[in-house]
Each structure stands twice: as C-alpha cells, then as structure tokens.
Amino acid sequence: MEEFLMKAGAYLEQAEVIQITDEQAAAILWPQMDADLPASSDAKDILRELQKLKQKEIDLEPHAIYLSDYYRMKKIPRGFRIKNVPTNGRNNPEVCRKWIGVLNKCSLDLMLVVIEEVGRELKITKYKISDFELKNTA
C-alpha cells in the first residue's frame, strides 16, 4: 500500500492535477440525458401499477383464508348473515328453526361462491404480477 501511495504521488506537497479537455469529457459522458430517458416518468407509473397489483393480492388472499376458516367452522360472518323472518309461522318455533336453517345454508353457499370468485381473482392477479414483472425487468 505504501508503495502505491508513493507511486501515485500522495506524499507530494502539492496535489497533482490532470487536465481533461472538453473533447475528452464529451467522449467520456453518456450521450443521453435524464430528460431523454423514456422510463424516467414511466418508472413511477410502472411502480404504481405493480404496487396496485401486489395490494390486490394482499387483500384477496386473507379474505379467502378467513372465509374458508369461517366455512369450515360453519360460522357465518356478519356480512353474510341473512336476517329475514317468515311471514307465516313466525310464532311457531319449529318453523322459525327451519327458516333460520335454510337461511344459514344459503349464507354458507354464498360464502362458497365468494371464496371461489376470490380464488379466481387471486389466480388472475398472480398471473398479472408475474407477467408484469417479466415484461418490466431490466
């Protein structure tokens, strides 16, 4: 290291300066300028689009997991509970029990429809993410 510093002139009393001409500088510099780059303004759009797709994936997956867990436990989340009373037989406990059973079955079936749709959307979103990343990698 010491030998390198001696050869480089690090121990001289005055710093050695080299002169680079404008022609040499022009040959060294990249010909494009920042304003010429097409990706400079598009990079934000690309990032925004990727974030949007990733956020959709993040939102969909837990939704499907939670609904699947509710379905396995045969519990109905608040948004899927159908609140309806029979017109005839509302004073008969047996009719009310059957009525609620039918509504619960309907709610559980609707949950399956939503879980299936979320799964479909999730597959499409994951495909879009992988396709997007493939197209936009440098």
C-alpha atoms as a PDB file:
ATOM      1  CA  MET A   1       0.000   0.000   0.000  1.00  0.00           C
ATOM      2  CA  GLU A   2       2.819   2.360   0.921  1.00  0.00           C
ATOM      3  CA  GLU A   3       4.474   1.739  -2.426  1.00  0.00           C
ATOM      4  CA  PHE A   4       1.223   2.527  -4.261  1.00  0.00           C
ATOM      5  CA  LEU A   5       0.857   5.826  -2.402  1.00  0.00           C
ATOM      6  CA  MET A   6       4.423   6.783  -3.286  1.00  0.00           C
ATOM      7  CA  LYS A   7       3.842   5.996  -6.985  1.00  0.00           C
ATOM      8  CA  ALA A   8       0.536   7.865  -7.003  1.00  0.00           C
ATOM      9  CA  GLY A   9       2.200  10.935  -5.564  1.00  0.00           C
ATOM     10  CA  ALA A  10       0.128  11.002  -2.387  1.00  0.00           C
ATOM     11  CA  TYR A  11       3.061  12.381  -0.417  1.00  0.00           C
ATOM     12  CA  LEU A  12       3.754  15.354  -2.685  1.00  0.00           C
ATOM     13  CA  GLU A  13       3.440  18.767  -1.092  1.00  0.00           C
ATOM     14  CA  GLN A  14       1.112  19.921  -3.829  1.00  0.00           C
ATOM     15  CA  ALA A  15      -1.644  17.832  -5.335  1.00  0.00           C
ATOM     16  CA  GLU A  16      -1.061  16.878  -8.908  1.00  0.00           C
ATOM     17  CA  VAL A  17      -3.871  17.957 -11.172  1.00  0.00           C
ATOM     18  CA  ILE A  18      -4.645  16.491 -14.573  1.00  0.00           C
ATOM     19  CA  GLN A  19      -6.358  18.462 -17.268  1.00  0.00           C
ATOM     20  CA  ILE A  20      -9.309  16.940 -19.143  1.00  0.00           C
ATOM     21  CA  THR A  21     -10.341  18.785 -22.256  1.00  0.00           C
ATOM     22  CA  ASP A  22     -13.949  19.359 -23.287  1.00  0.00           C
ATOM     23  CA  GLU A  23     -13.477  16.891 -26.145  1.00  0.00           C
ATOM     24  CA  GLN A  24     -12.244  14.214 -23.740  1.00  0.00           C
ATOM     25  CA  ALA A  25     -15.176  14.939 -21.412  1.00  0.00           C
ATOM     26  CA  ALA A  26     -17.623  14.661 -24.305  1.00  0.00           C
ATOM     27  CA  ALA A  27     -16.142  11.281 -25.215  1.00  0.00           C
ATOM     28  CA  ILE A  28     -16.499  10.059 -21.618  1.00  0.00           C
ATOM     29  CA  LEU A  29     -20.029  11.315 -20.929  1.00  0.00           C
ATOM     30  CA  TRP A  30     -23.109   9.307 -21.870  1.00  0.00           C
ATOM     31  CA  PRO A  31     -24.822  10.820 -24.925  1.00  0.00           C
ATOM     32  CA  GLN A  32     -28.326  10.542 -23.418  1.00  0.00           C
ATOM     33  CA  MET A  33     -29.605  12.941 -20.813  1.00  0.00           C
ATOM     34  CA  ASP A  34     -32.025  12.243 -17.982  1.00  0.00           C
ATOM     35  CA  ALA A  35     -34.801  14.048 -19.847  1.00  0.00           C
ATOM     36  CA  ASP A  36     -34.254  11.718 -22.832  1.00  0.00           C
ATOM     37  CA  LEU A  37     -34.966   8.576 -20.845  1.00  0.00           C
ATOM     38  CA  PRO A  38     -38.448   7.229 -21.563  1.00  0.00           C
ATOM     39  CA  ALA A  39     -38.541   5.311 -18.281  1.00  0.00           C
ATOM     40  CA  SER A  40     -37.914   8.335 -16.068  1.00  0.00           C
ATOM     41  CA  SER A  41     -41.568   9.369 -15.993  1.00  0.00           C
ATOM     42  CA  ASP A  42     -42.863   5.868 -16.691  1.00  0.00           C
ATOM     43  CA  ALA A  43     -40.932   4.349 -13.782  1.00  0.00           C
ATOM     44  CA  LYS A  44     -43.380   5.878 -11.328  1.00  0.00           C
ATOM     45  CA  ASP A  45     -46.307   4.515 -13.319  1.00  0.00           C
ATOM     46  CA  ILE A  46     -44.708   1.076 -13.501  1.00  0.00           C
ATOM     47  CA  LEU A  47     -44.078   1.065  -9.760  1.00  0.00           C
ATOM     48  CA  ARG A  48     -47.600   2.304  -9.052  1.00  0.00           C
ATOM     49  CA  GLU A  49     -49.116  -0.435 -11.228  1.00  0.00           C
ATOM     50  CA  LEU A  50     -47.008  -3.127  -9.558  1.00  0.00           C
ATOM     51  CA  GLN A  51     -47.961  -1.826  -6.104  1.00  0.00           C
ATOM     52  CA  LYS A  52     -51.623  -1.848  -7.110  1.00  0.00           C
ATOM     53  CA  LEU A  53     -51.405  -5.473  -8.231  1.00  0.00           C
ATOM     54  CA  LYS A  54     -49.476  -6.513  -5.105  1.00  0.00           C
ATOM     55  CA  GLN A  55     -52.006  -4.736  -2.872  1.00  0.00           C
ATOM     56  CA  LYS A  56     -54.847  -6.560  -4.600  1.00  0.00           C
ATOM     57  CA  GLU A  57     -53.055  -9.858  -3.965  1.00  0.00           C
ATOM     58  CA  ILE A  58     -52.506  -8.894  -0.324  1.00  0.00           C
ATOM     59  CA  ASP A  59     -56.201  -8.014   0.055  1.00  0.00           C
ATOM     60  CA  LEU A  60     -57.599 -11.109  -1.658  1.00  0.00           C
ATOM     61  CA  GLU A  61     -55.577 -13.866  -0.007  1.00  0.00           C
ATOM     62  CA  PRO A  62     -56.528 -13.207   3.641  1.00  0.00           C
ATOM     63  CA  HIS A  63     -60.137 -12.671   2.567  1.00  0.00           C
ATOM     64  CA  ALA A  64     -60.275 -16.168   1.065  1.00  0.00           C
ATOM     65  CA  ILE A  65     -58.471 -17.668   4.060  1.00  0.00           C
ATOM     66  CA  TYR A  66     -60.796 -16.068   6.611  1.00  0.00           C
ATOM     67  CA  LEU A  67     -63.935 -17.021   4.709  1.00  0.00           C
ATOM     68  CA  SER A  68     -62.646 -20.589   4.326  1.00  0.00           C
ATOM     69  CA  ASP A  69     -61.978 -20.787   8.061  1.00  0.00           C
ATOM     70  CA  TYR A  70     -65.470 -19.478   8.827  1.00  0.00           C
ATOM     71  CA  TYR A  71     -66.986 -22.019   6.441  1.00  0.00           C
ATOM     72  CA  ARG A  72     -65.047 -24.929   7.989  1.00  0.00           C
ATOM     73  CA  MET A  73     -66.316 -23.908  11.439  1.00  0.00           C
ATOM     74  CA  LYS A  74     -69.834 -23.436   9.981  1.00  0.00           C
ATOM     75  CA  LYS A  75     -69.881 -19.872  11.270  1.00  0.00           C
ATOM     76  CA  ILE A  76     -71.390 -17.042   9.266  1.00  0.00           C
ATOM     77  CA  PRO A  77     -69.662 -13.643   9.329  1.00  0.00           C
ATOM     78  CA  ARG A  78     -71.813 -10.605   9.909  1.00  0.00           C
ATOM     79  CA  GLY A  79     -71.903  -9.525   6.266  1.00  0.00           C
ATOM     80  CA  PHE A  80     -73.176 -12.921   5.105  1.00  0.00           C
ATOM     81  CA  ARG A  81     -75.911 -13.392   7.709  1.00  0.00           C
ATOM     82  CA  ILE A  82     -79.369 -13.137   6.155  1.00  0.00           C
ATOM     83  CA  LYS A  83     -81.822 -11.535   8.565  1.00  0.00           C
ATOM     84  CA  ASN A  84     -85.314 -12.405   7.479  1.00  0.00           C
ATOM     85  CA  VAL A  85     -88.385 -13.679   9.307  1.00  0.00           C
ATOM     86  CA  PRO A  86     -91.172 -15.839   7.906  1.00  0.00           C
ATOM     87  CA  THR A  87     -94.461 -14.176   7.115  1.00  0.00           C
ATOM     88  CA  ASN A  88     -96.474 -17.183   8.212  1.00  0.00           C
ATOM     89  CA  GLY A  89     -95.484 -19.217  11.221  1.00  0.00           C
ATOM     90  CA  ARG A  90     -93.285 -16.651  12.915  1.00  0.00           C
ATOM     91  CA  ASN A  91     -94.861 -17.676  16.240  1.00  0.00           C
ATOM     92  CA  ASN A  92     -94.104 -21.361  15.648  1.00  0.00           C
ATOM     93  CA  PRO A  93     -90.594 -22.201  16.991  1.00  0.00           C
ATOM     94  CA  GLU A  94     -90.261 -25.211  14.654  1.00  0.00           C
ATOM     95  CA  VAL A  95     -90.971 -23.096  11.545  1.00  0.00           C
ATOM     96  CA  CYS A  96     -88.546 -20.393  12.769  1.00  0.00           C
ATOM     97  CA  ARG A  97     -85.821 -23.009  13.385  1.00  0.00           C
ATOM     98  CA  LYS A  98     -86.254 -24.462   9.871  1.00  0.00           C
ATOM     99  CA  TRP A  99     -86.414 -20.956   8.398  1.00  0.00           C
ATOM    100  CA  ILE A 100     -83.138 -19.962  10.051  1.00  0.00           C
ATOM    101  CA  GLY A 101     -81.571 -23.271   8.953  1.00  0.00           C
ATOM    102  CA  VAL A 102     -82.460 -22.592   5.323  1.00  0.00           C
ATOM    103  CA  LEU A 103     -81.097 -19.031   5.554  1.00  0.00           C
ATOM    104  CA  ASN A 104     -77.890 -20.299   7.189  1.00  0.00           C
ATOM    105  CA  LYS A 105     -77.450 -22.868   4.403  1.00  0.00           C
ATOM    106  CA  CYS A 106     -77.966 -20.086   1.866  1.00  0.00           C
ATOM    107  CA  SER A 107     -75.380 -17.902   3.642  1.00  0.00           C
ATOM    108  CA  LEU A 108     -72.841 -20.745   3.686  1.00  0.00           C
ATOM    109  CA  ASP A 109     -73.455 -21.435  -0.019  1.00  0.00           C
ATOM    110  CA  LEU A 110     -72.977 -17.737  -0.798  1.00  0.00           C
ATOM    111  CA  MET A 111     -69.699 -17.835   1.122  1.00  0.00           C
ATOM    112  CA  LEU A 112     -68.532 -20.688  -1.135  1.00  0.00           C
ATOM    113  CA  VAL A 113     -69.461 -18.667  -4.216  1.00  0.00           C
ATOM    114  CA  VAL A 114     -67.434 -15.705  -2.915  1.00  0.00           C
ATOM    115  CA  ILE A 115     -64.470 -17.926  -1.937  1.00  0.00           C
ATOM    116  CA  GLU A 116     -64.489 -19.434  -5.425  1.00  0.00           C
ATOM    117  CA  GLU A 117     -64.582 -15.982  -7.042  1.00  0.00           C
ATOM    118  CA  VAL A 118     -61.797 -14.663  -4.790  1.00  0.00           C
ATOM    119  CA  GLY A 119     -59.685 -17.681  -5.755  1.00  0.00           C
ATOM    120  CA  ARG A 120     -60.289 -16.966  -9.433  1.00  0.00           C
ATOM    121  CA  GLU A 121     -59.394 -13.281  -8.999  1.00  0.00           C
ATOM    122  CA  LEU A 122     -56.302 -14.229  -6.999  1.00  0.00           C
ATOM    123  CA  LYS A 123     -55.048 -16.545  -9.769  1.00  0.00           C
ATOM    124  CA  ILE A 124     -55.590 -13.812 -12.352  1.00  0.00           C
ATOM    125  CA  THR A 125     -53.832 -11.243 -10.143  1.00  0.00           C
ATOM    126  CA  LYS A 126     -50.839 -13.530  -9.535  1.00  0.00           C
ATOM    127  CA  TYR A 127     -50.585 -14.163 -13.279  1.00  0.00           C
ATOM    128  CA  LYS A 128     -50.738 -10.410 -13.955  1.00  0.00           C
ATOM    129  CA  ILE A 129     -47.994  -9.789 -11.367  1.00  0.00           C
ATOM    130  CA  SER A 130     -45.660 -12.406 -12.840  1.00  0.00           C
ATOM    131  CA  ASP A 131     -46.385 -11.216 -16.386  1.00  0.00           C
ATOM    132  CA  PHE A 132     -45.879  -7.578 -15.346  1.00  0.00           C
ATOM    133  CA  GLU A 133     -42.586  -8.354 -13.593  1.00  0.00           C
ATOM    134  CA  LEU A 134     -41.391 -10.342 -16.594  1.00  0.00           C
ATOM    135  CA  LYS A 135     -42.184  -7.509 -19.010  1.00  0.00           C
ATOM    136  CA  ASN A 136     -40.732  -4.757 -16.816  1.00  0.00           C
ATOM    137  CA  THR A 137     -37.470  -6.261 -15.611  1.00  0.00           C
ATOM    138  CA  ALA A 138     -34.391  -4.578 -16.946  1.00  0.00           C
END
